[in-house]
PDB file of N, CA and C in Angstrom:
ATOM      1  N   MET A   1      30.360 -25.295  39.442  1.00  0.00           N
ATOM      2  CA  MET A   1      31.533 -26.051  39.034  1.00  0.00           C
ATOM      3  C   MET A   1      32.587 -25.993  40.138  1.00  0.00           C
ATOM      4  N   ARG A   2      33.278 -27.111  40.290  1.00  0.00           N
ATOM      5  CA  ARG A   2      34.375 -27.194  41.247  1.00  0.00           C
ATOM      6  C   ARG A   2      35.561 -27.856  40.563  1.00  0.00           C
ATOM      7  N   ALA A   3      36.749 -27.405  40.907  1.00  0.00           N
ATOM      8  CA  ALA A   3      37.976 -28.017  40.391  1.00  0.00           C
ATOM      9  C   ALA A   3      38.922 -28.237  41.563  1.00  0.00           C
ATOM     10  N   VAL A   4      39.578 -29.403  41.560  1.00  0.00           N
ATOM     11  CA  VAL A   4      40.535 -29.732  42.614  1.00  0.00           C
ATOM     12  C   VAL A   4      41.767 -30.381  42.010  1.00  0.00           C
ATOM     13  N   GLU A   5      42.905 -30.069  42.612  1.00  0.00           N
ATOM     14  CA  GLU A   5      44.137 -30.808  42.323  1.00  0.00           C
ATOM     15  C   GLU A   5      44.312 -31.797  43.453  1.00  0.00           C
ATOM     16  N   VAL A   6      44.717 -33.015  43.097  1.00  0.00           N
ATOM     17  CA  VAL A   6      44.796 -34.096  44.076  1.00  0.00           C
ATOM     18  C   VAL A   6      46.148 -34.782  43.961  1.00  0.00           C
ATOM     19  N   LEU A   7      46.754 -35.062  45.094  1.00  0.00           N
ATOM     20  CA  LEU A   7      47.976 -35.847  45.155  1.00  0.00           C
ATOM     21  C   LEU A   7      47.667 -37.091  45.980  1.00  0.00           C
ATOM     22  N   VAL A   8      47.845 -38.255  45.351  1.00  0.00           N
ATOM     23  CA  VAL A   8      47.507 -39.531  45.980  1.00  0.00           C
ATOM     24  C   VAL A   8      48.799 -40.266  46.328  1.00  0.00           C
ATOM     25  N   THR A   9      48.951 -40.646  47.591  1.00  0.00           N
ATOM     26  CA  THR A   9      50.133 -41.383  48.017  1.00  0.00           C
ATOM     27  C   THR A   9      49.739 -42.784  48.460  1.00  0.00           C
ATOM     28  N   GLY A  10      50.699 -43.676  48.396  1.00  0.00           N
ATOM     29  CA  GLY A  10      50.501 -45.070  48.765  1.00  0.00           C
ATOM     30  C   GLY A  10      50.994 -45.968  47.645  1.00  0.00           C
ATOM     31  N   LYS A  11      50.442 -47.166  47.572  1.00  0.00           N
ATOM     32  CA  LYS A  11      50.761 -48.077  46.467  1.00  0.00           C
ATOM     33  C   LYS A  11      49.780 -47.749  45.337  1.00  0.00           C
ATOM     34  N   VAL A  12      50.166 -46.762  44.516  1.00  0.00           N
ATOM     35  CA  VAL A  12      49.251 -46.241  43.503  1.00  0.00           C
ATOM     36  C   VAL A  12      49.845 -46.259  42.085  1.00  0.00           C
ATOM     37  N   GLN A  13      51.048 -46.771  41.946  1.00  0.00           N
ATOM     38  CA  GLN A  13      51.626 -46.955  40.616  1.00  0.00           C
ATOM     39  C   GLN A  13      51.833 -48.442  40.382  1.00  0.00           C
ATOM     40  N   GLY A  14      51.651 -48.850  39.124  1.00  0.00           N
ATOM     41  CA  GLY A  14      51.802 -50.255  38.784  1.00  0.00           C
ATOM     42  C   GLY A  14      50.591 -51.092  39.163  1.00  0.00           C
ATOM     43  N   VAL A  15      49.463 -50.427  39.446  1.00  0.00           N
ATOM     44  CA  VAL A  15      48.242 -51.130  39.856  1.00  0.00           C
ATOM     45  C   VAL A  15      47.035 -50.677  39.032  1.00  0.00           C
ATOM     46  N   ALA A  16      47.291 -50.137  37.842  1.00  0.00           N
ATOM     47  CA  ALA A  16      46.238 -49.664  36.917  1.00  0.00           C
ATOM     48  C   ALA A  16      45.407 -48.535  37.511  1.00  0.00           C
ATOM     49  N   PHE A  17      45.980 -47.784  38.420  1.00  0.00           N
ATOM     50  CA  PHE A  17      45.263 -46.699  39.085  1.00  0.00           C
ATOM     51  C   PHE A  17      44.745 -45.679  38.084  1.00  0.00           C
ATOM     52  N   ARG A  18      45.595 -45.237  37.162  1.00  0.00           N
ATOM     53  CA  ARG A  18      45.196 -44.204  36.195  1.00  0.00           C
ATOM     54  C   ARG A  18      44.087 -44.687  35.272  1.00  0.00           C
ATOM     55  N   ALA A  19      44.174 -45.907  34.802  1.00  0.00           N
ATOM     56  CA  ALA A  19      43.145 -46.443  33.895  1.00  0.00           C
ATOM     57  C   ALA A  19      41.797 -46.544  34.606  1.00  0.00           C
ATOM     58  N   TYR A  20      41.805 -47.048  35.837  1.00  0.00           N
ATOM     59  CA  TYR A  20      40.564 -47.128  36.600  1.00  0.00           C
ATOM     60  C   TYR A  20      40.026 -45.734  36.911  1.00  0.00           C
ATOM     61  N   ALA A  21      40.924 -44.800  37.221  1.00  0.00           N
ATOM     62  CA  ALA A  21      40.498 -43.427  37.503  1.00  0.00           C
ATOM     63  C   ALA A  21      39.820 -42.810  36.284  1.00  0.00           C
ATOM     64  N   ALA A  22      40.381 -43.032  35.105  1.00  0.00           N
ATOM     65  CA  ALA A  22      39.787 -42.488  33.878  1.00  0.00           C
ATOM     66  C   ALA A  22      38.411 -43.092  33.637  1.00  0.00           C
ATOM     67  N   ARG A  23      38.274 -44.368  33.877  1.00  0.00           N
ATOM     68  CA  ARG A  23      36.970 -45.021  33.697  1.00  0.00           C
ATOM     69  C   ARG A  23      35.939 -44.430  34.667  1.00  0.00           C
ATOM     70  N   GLU A  24      36.346 -44.222  35.916  1.00  0.00           N
ATOM     71  CA  GLU A  24      35.434 -43.650  36.906  1.00  0.00           C
ATOM     72  C   GLU A  24      35.101 -42.202  36.564  1.00  0.00           C
ATOM     73  N   ALA A  25      36.083 -41.446  36.101  1.00  0.00           N
ATOM     74  CA  ALA A  25      35.840 -40.056  35.711  1.00  0.00           C
ATOM     75  C   ALA A  25      34.827 -39.986  34.573  1.00  0.00           C
ATOM     76  N   ASP A  26      34.979 -40.861  33.591  1.00  0.00           N
ATOM     77  CA  ASP A  26      34.017 -40.902  32.486  1.00  0.00           C
ATOM     78  C   ASP A  26      32.626 -41.253  32.999  1.00  0.00           C
ATOM     79  N   ARG A  27      32.539 -42.209  33.900  1.00  0.00           N
ATOM     80  CA  ARG A  27      31.242 -42.616  34.448  1.00  0.00           C
ATOM     81  C   ARG A  27      30.568 -41.467  35.198  1.00  0.00           C
ATOM     82  N   LEU A  28      31.378 -40.694  35.928  1.00  0.00           N
ATOM     83  CA  LEU A  28      30.845 -39.587  36.722  1.00  0.00           C
ATOM     84  C   LEU A  28      30.647 -38.306  35.910  1.00  0.00           C
ATOM     85  N   GLY A  29      31.259 -38.243  34.741  1.00  0.00           N
ATOM     86  CA  GLY A  29      31.127 -37.043  33.909  1.00  0.00           C
ATOM     87  C   GLY A  29      32.006 -35.889  34.341  1.00  0.00           C
ATOM     88  N   VAL A  30      33.140 -36.202  34.985  1.00  0.00           N
ATOM     89  CA  VAL A  30      34.081 -35.145  35.352  1.00  0.00           C
ATOM     90  C   VAL A  30      35.189 -35.058  34.300  1.00  0.00           C
ATOM     91  N   ALA A  31      35.809 -33.905  34.226  1.00  0.00           N
ATOM     92  CA  ALA A  31      36.898 -33.673  33.282  1.00  0.00           C
ATOM     93  C   ALA A  31      38.205 -33.550  34.057  1.00  0.00           C
ATOM     94  N   GLY A  32      39.322 -33.581  33.314  1.00  0.00           N
ATOM     95  CA  GLY A  32      40.623 -33.385  33.936  1.00  0.00           C
ATOM     96  C   GLY A  32      41.660 -34.350  33.411  1.00  0.00           C
ATOM     97  N   TRP A  33      42.602 -34.696  34.282  1.00  0.00           N
ATOM     98  CA  TRP A  33      43.686 -35.591  33.895  1.00  0.00           C
ATOM     99  C   TRP A  33      44.233 -36.294  35.134  1.00  0.00           C
ATOM    100  N   VAL A  34      44.996 -37.349  34.871  1.00  0.00           N
ATOM    101  CA  VAL A  34      45.679 -38.086  35.929  1.00  0.00           C
ATOM    102  C   VAL A  34      47.034 -38.525  35.388  1.00  0.00           C
ATOM    103  N   ARG A  35      48.076 -38.449  36.230  1.00  0.00           N
ATOM    104  CA  ARG A  35      49.413 -38.849  35.779  1.00  0.00           C
ATOM    105  C   ARG A  35      50.251 -39.345  36.944  1.00  0.00           C
ATOM    106  N   ASN A  36      51.199 -40.202  36.620  1.00  0.00           N
ATOM    107  CA  ASN A  36      52.175 -40.670  37.604  1.00  0.00           C
ATOM    108  C   ASN A  36      53.250 -39.609  37.776  1.00  0.00           C
ATOM    109  N   ARG A  37      53.767 -39.521  38.990  1.00  0.00           N
ATOM    110  CA  ARG A  37      54.909 -38.645  39.251  1.00  0.00           C
ATOM    111  C   ARG A  37      56.116 -39.516  39.578  1.00  0.00           C
ATOM    112  N   SER A  38      57.287 -38.966  39.378  1.00  0.00           N
ATOM    113  CA  SER A  38      58.520 -39.736  39.574  1.00  0.00           C
ATOM    114  C   SER A  38      58.735 -40.164  41.024  1.00  0.00           C
ATOM    115  N   ASP A  39      58.061 -39.520  41.970  1.00  0.00           N
ATOM    116  CA  ASP A  39      58.224 -39.885  43.387  1.00  0.00           C
ATOM    117  C   ASP A  39      57.290 -41.021  43.825  1.00  0.00           C
ATOM    118  N   GLY A  40      56.553 -41.611  42.871  1.00  0.00           N
ATOM    119  CA  GLY A  40      55.689 -42.741  43.181  1.00  0.00           C
ATOM    120  C   GLY A  40      54.252 -42.363  43.507  1.00  0.00           C
ATOM    121  N   THR A  41      53.951 -41.077  43.506  1.00  0.00           N
ATOM    122  CA  THR A  41      52.587 -40.626  43.760  1.00  0.00           C
ATOM    123  C   THR A  41      51.826 -40.484  42.449  1.00  0.00           C
ATOM    124  N   VAL A  42      50.529 -40.247  42.570  1.00  0.00           N
ATOM    125  CA  VAL A  42      49.689 -39.959  41.416  1.00  0.00           C
ATOM    126  C   VAL A  42      49.117 -38.558  41.607  1.00  0.00           C
ATOM    127  N   HIS A  43      49.155 -37.764  40.548  1.00  0.00           N
ATOM    128  CA  HIS A  43      48.683 -36.385  40.559  1.00  0.00           C
ATOM    129  C   HIS A  43      47.484 -36.298  39.628  1.00  0.00           C
ATOM    130  N   ALA A  44      46.428 -35.633  40.066  1.00  0.00           N
ATOM    131  CA  ALA A  44      45.230 -35.532  39.234  1.00  0.00           C
ATOM    132  C   ALA A  44      44.619 -34.147  39.342  1.00  0.00           C
ATOM    133  N   LEU A  45      43.896 -33.774  38.305  1.00  0.00           N
ATOM    134  CA  LEU A  45      43.060 -32.581  38.293  1.00  0.00           C
ATOM    135  C   LEU A  45      41.667 -33.064  37.941  1.00  0.00           C
ATOM    136  N   VAL A  46      40.706 -32.704  38.763  1.00  0.00           N
ATOM    137  CA  VAL A  46      39.326 -33.137  38.559  1.00  0.00           C
ATOM    138  C   VAL A  46      38.439 -31.904  38.557  1.00  0.00           C
ATOM    139  N   GLU A  47      37.580 -31.815  37.546  1.00  0.00           N
ATOM    140  CA  GLU A  47      36.711 -30.653  37.411  1.00  0.00           C
ATOM    141  C   GLU A  47      35.309 -31.101  37.013  1.00  0.00           C
ATOM    142  N   GLY A  48      34.302 -30.518  37.635  1.00  0.00           N
ATOM    143  CA  GLY A  48      32.925 -30.853  37.279  1.00  0.00           C
ATOM    144  C   GLY A  48      31.953 -30.322  38.305  1.00  0.00           C
ATOM    145  N   GLU A  49      30.742 -30.844  38.252  1.00  0.00           N
ATOM    146  CA  GLU A  49      29.731 -30.464  39.236  1.00  0.00           C
ATOM    147  C   GLU A  49      30.177 -30.925  40.617  1.00  0.00           C
ATOM    148  N   GLU A  50      29.820 -30.171  41.634  1.00  0.00           N
ATOM    149  CA  GLU A  50      30.250 -30.436  43.011  1.00  0.00           C
ATOM    150  C   GLU A  50      30.047 -31.896  43.420  1.00  0.00           C
ATOM    151  N   GLU A  51      28.864 -32.427  43.203  1.00  0.00           N
ATOM    152  CA  GLU A  51      28.562 -33.802  43.620  1.00  0.00           C
ATOM    153  C   GLU A  51      29.429 -34.819  42.879  1.00  0.00           C
ATOM    154  N   ALA A  52      29.661 -34.592  41.592  1.00  0.00           N
ATOM    155  CA  ALA A  52      30.489 -35.508  40.803  1.00  0.00           C
ATOM    156  C   ALA A  52      31.947 -35.452  41.265  1.00  0.00           C
ATOM    157  N   VAL A  53      32.437 -34.266  41.564  1.00  0.00           N
ATOM    158  CA  VAL A  53      33.817 -34.130  42.053  1.00  0.00           C
ATOM    159  C   VAL A  53      33.956 -34.825  43.403  1.00  0.00           C
ATOM    160  N   GLU A  54      32.987 -34.652  44.294  1.00  0.00           N
ATOM    161  CA  GLU A  54      33.027 -35.337  45.591  1.00  0.00           C
ATOM    162  C   GLU A  54      33.027 -36.853  45.417  1.00  0.00           C
ATOM    163  N   SER A  55      32.232 -37.344  44.461  1.00  0.00           N
ATOM    164  CA  SER A  55      32.204 -38.787  44.192  1.00  0.00           C
ATOM    165  C   SER A  55      33.550 -39.263  43.658  1.00  0.00           C
ATOM    166  N   MET A  56      34.190 -38.464  42.806  1.00  0.00           N
ATOM    167  CA  MET A  56      35.504 -38.830  42.276  1.00  0.00           C
ATOM    168  C   MET A  56      36.541 -38.833  43.400  1.00  0.00           C
ATOM    169  N   LEU A  57      36.459 -37.865  44.312  1.00  0.00           N
ATOM    170  CA  LEU A  57      37.384 -37.845  45.449  1.00  0.00           C
ATOM    171  C   LEU A  57      37.189 -39.085  46.321  1.00  0.00           C
ATOM    172  N   ALA A  58      35.957 -39.504  46.519  1.00  0.00           N
ATOM    173  CA  ALA A  58      35.693 -40.716  47.292  1.00  0.00           C
ATOM    174  C   ALA A  58      36.320 -41.917  46.599  1.00  0.00           C
ATOM    175  N   TRP A  59      36.216 -41.975  45.261  1.00  0.00           N
ATOM    176  CA  TRP A  59      36.839 -43.085  44.537  1.00  0.00           C
ATOM    177  C   TRP A  59      38.359 -43.025  44.680  1.00  0.00           C
ATOM    178  N   LEU A  60      38.944 -41.836  44.543  1.00  0.00           N
ATOM    179  CA  LEU A  60      40.400 -41.698  44.656  1.00  0.00           C
ATOM    180  C   LEU A  60      40.906 -42.128  46.030  1.00  0.00           C
ATOM    181  N   ARG A  61      40.095 -41.966  47.052  1.00  0.00           N
ATOM    182  CA  ARG A  61      40.492 -42.413  48.398  1.00  0.00           C
ATOM    183  C   ARG A  61      40.581 -43.934  48.477  1.00  0.00           C
ATOM    184  N   ARG A  62      39.811 -44.618  47.639  1.00  0.00           N
ATOM    185  CA  ARG A  62      39.844 -46.091  47.600  1.00  0.00           C
ATOM    186  C   ARG A  62      40.838 -46.585  46.554  1.00  0.00           C
ATOM    187  N   GLY A  63      40.762 -46.028  45.354  1.00  0.00           N
ATOM    188  CA  GLY A  63      41.652 -46.405  44.258  1.00  0.00           C
ATOM    189  C   GLY A  63      41.235 -47.680  43.561  1.00  0.00           C
ATOM    190  N   SER A  64      42.097 -48.146  42.692  1.00  0.00           N
ATOM    191  CA  SER A  64      41.865 -49.367  41.925  1.00  0.00           C
ATOM    192  C   SER A  64      41.918 -50.573  42.865  1.00  0.00           C
ATOM    193  N   PRO A  65      41.434 -51.739  42.406  1.00  0.00           N
ATOM    194  CA  PRO A  65      41.386 -52.911  43.291  1.00  0.00           C
ATOM    195  C   PRO A  65      42.712 -53.283  43.948  1.00  0.00           C
ATOM    196  N   SER A  66      43.832 -53.122  43.251  1.00  0.00           N
ATOM    197  CA  SER A  66      45.135 -53.508  43.811  1.00  0.00           C
ATOM    198  C   SER A  66      45.858 -52.359  44.510  1.00  0.00           C
ATOM    199  N   ALA A  67      45.301 -51.164  44.451  1.00  0.00           N
ATOM    200  CA  ALA A  67      45.944 -49.996  45.065  1.00  0.00           C
ATOM    201  C   ALA A  67      45.756 -50.006  46.575  1.00  0.00           C
ATOM    202  N   ARG A  68      46.640 -49.318  47.251  1.00  0.00           N
ATOM    203  CA  ARG A  68      46.528 -49.076  48.685  1.00  0.00           C
ATOM    204  C   ARG A  68      46.789 -47.590  48.903  1.00  0.00           C
ATOM    205  N   VAL A  69      45.733 -46.815  48.972  1.00  0.00           N
ATOM    206  CA  VAL A  69      45.857 -45.366  49.140  1.00  0.00           C
ATOM    207  C   VAL A  69      46.120 -45.067  50.610  1.00  0.00           C
ATOM    208  N   HIS A  70      47.205 -44.325  50.866  1.00  0.00           N
ATOM    209  CA  HIS A  70      47.549 -43.941  52.236  1.00  0.00           C
ATOM    210  C   HIS A  70      47.062 -42.542  52.566  1.00  0.00           C
ATOM    211  N   HIS A  71      47.127 -41.645  51.584  1.00  0.00           N
ATOM    212  CA  HIS A  71      46.756 -40.249  51.859  1.00  0.00           C
ATOM    213  C   HIS A  71      46.305 -39.577  50.570  1.00  0.00           C
ATOM    214  N   LEU A  72      45.364 -38.666  50.707  1.00  0.00           N
ATOM    215  CA  LEU A  72      44.870 -37.863  49.596  1.00  0.00           C
ATOM    216  C   LEU A  72      44.985 -36.402  50.005  1.00  0.00           C
ATOM    217  N   ALA A  73      45.787 -35.630  49.290  1.00  0.00           N
ATOM    218  CA  ALA A  73      45.895 -34.191  49.528  1.00  0.00           C
ATOM    219  C   ALA A  73      45.082 -33.489  48.448  1.00  0.00           C
ATOM    220  N   VAL A  74      44.128 -32.674  48.859  1.00  0.00           N
ATOM    221  CA  VAL A  74      43.202 -32.027  47.929  1.00  0.00           C
ATOM    222  C   VAL A  74      43.312 -30.520  48.085  1.00  0.00           C
ATOM    223  N   VAL A  75      43.490 -29.834  46.956  1.00  0.00           N
ATOM    224  CA  VAL A  75      43.560 -28.380  46.942  1.00  0.00           C
ATOM    225  C   VAL A  75      42.566 -27.866  45.909  1.00  0.00           C
ATOM    226  N   ASP A  76      41.663 -26.997  46.345  1.00  0.00           N
ATOM    227  CA  ASP A  76      40.723 -26.385  45.401  1.00  0.00           C
ATOM    228  C   ASP A  76      41.478 -25.434  44.478  1.00  0.00           C
ATOM    229  N   THR A  77      41.051 -25.399  43.231  1.00  0.00           N
ATOM    230  CA  THR A  77      41.656 -24.530  42.230  1.00  0.00           C
ATOM    231  C   THR A  77      40.543 -23.948  41.365  1.00  0.00           C
ATOM    232  N   ASP A  78      40.882 -23.021  40.504  1.00  0.00           N
ATOM    233  CA  ASP A  78      39.876 -22.411  39.639  1.00  0.00           C
ATOM    234  C   ASP A  78      39.496 -23.360  38.515  1.00  0.00           C
ATOM    235  N   PRO A  79      38.187 -23.521  38.257  1.00  0.00           N
ATOM    236  CA  PRO A  79      37.761 -24.335  37.115  1.00  0.00           C
ATOM    237  C   PRO A  79      38.289 -23.742  35.809  1.00  0.00           C
ATOM    238  N   ASP A  80      38.537 -24.627  34.839  1.00  0.00           N
ATOM    239  CA  ASP A  80      39.130 -24.200  33.571  1.00  0.00           C
ATOM    240  C   ASP A  80      38.305 -24.667  32.374  1.00  0.00           C
ATOM    241  N   ASP A  81      37.054 -25.072  32.610  1.00  0.00           N
ATOM    242  CA  ASP A  81      36.168 -25.543  31.536  1.00  0.00           C
ATOM    243  C   ASP A  81      36.811 -26.628  30.693  1.00  0.00           C
ATOM    244  N   LEU A  82      37.415 -27.602  31.349  1.00  0.00           N
ATOM    245  CA  LEU A  82      38.048 -28.717  30.647  1.00  0.00           C
ATOM    246  C   LEU A  82      36.991 -29.631  30.038  1.00  0.00           C
ATOM    247  N   VAL A  83      37.376 -30.344  29.008  1.00  0.00           N
ATOM    248  CA  VAL A  83      36.492 -31.308  28.356  1.00  0.00           C
ATOM    249  C   VAL A  83      37.207 -32.645  28.333  1.00  0.00           C
ATOM    250  N   GLY A  84      36.536 -33.697  28.832  1.00  0.00           N
ATOM    251  CA  GLY A  84      37.113 -35.038  28.816  1.00  0.00           C
ATOM    252  C   GLY A  84      38.104 -35.253  29.943  1.00  0.00           C
ATOM    253  N   PHE A  85      38.518 -36.506  30.072  1.00  0.00           N
ATOM    254  CA  PHE A  85      39.469 -36.893  31.109  1.00  0.00           C
ATOM    255  C   PHE A  85      40.601 -37.669  30.436  1.00  0.00           C
ATOM    256  N   VAL A  86      41.830 -37.258  30.685  1.00  0.00           N
ATOM    257  CA  VAL A  86      42.996 -37.772  29.977  1.00  0.00           C
ATOM    258  C   VAL A  86      43.946 -38.491  30.941  1.00  0.00           C
ATOM    259  N   VAL A  87      44.447 -39.634  30.526  1.00  0.00           N
ATOM    260  CA  VAL A  87      45.515 -40.325  31.249  1.00  0.00           C
ATOM    261  C   VAL A  87      46.826 -39.866  30.643  1.00  0.00           C
ATOM    262  N   GLU A  88      47.619 -39.184  31.456  1.00  0.00           N
ATOM    263  CA  GLU A  88      48.926 -38.713  31.001  1.00  0.00           C
ATOM    264  C   GLU A  88      50.008 -39.669  31.485  1.00  0.00           C
ATOM    265  N   PRO A  89      51.170 -39.645  30.824  1.00  0.00           N
ATOM    266  CA  PRO A  89      52.260 -40.542  31.232  1.00  0.00           C
ATOM    267  C   PRO A  89      52.760 -40.254  32.641  1.00  0.00           C
TER     268      PRO A  89
END
């Protein structure tokens, strides 16, 4: 199991980024959450099998169709046995 916290910068709010991220997380079978931050970035926690987490990180680097991701900051963290993927406000 691997868990990462991710901060996504660029044009990532107002472009359905969180909804698309949740759909991709469900498809990949990873758990965690995604939320907008007041500074215009998107913050996420992704947890799952190594290959699935890497695939989710690859998706986050691209983002939703209308998004323009400029940078992805990834920090490994301890897995927490999360279940499901939640879109937070």
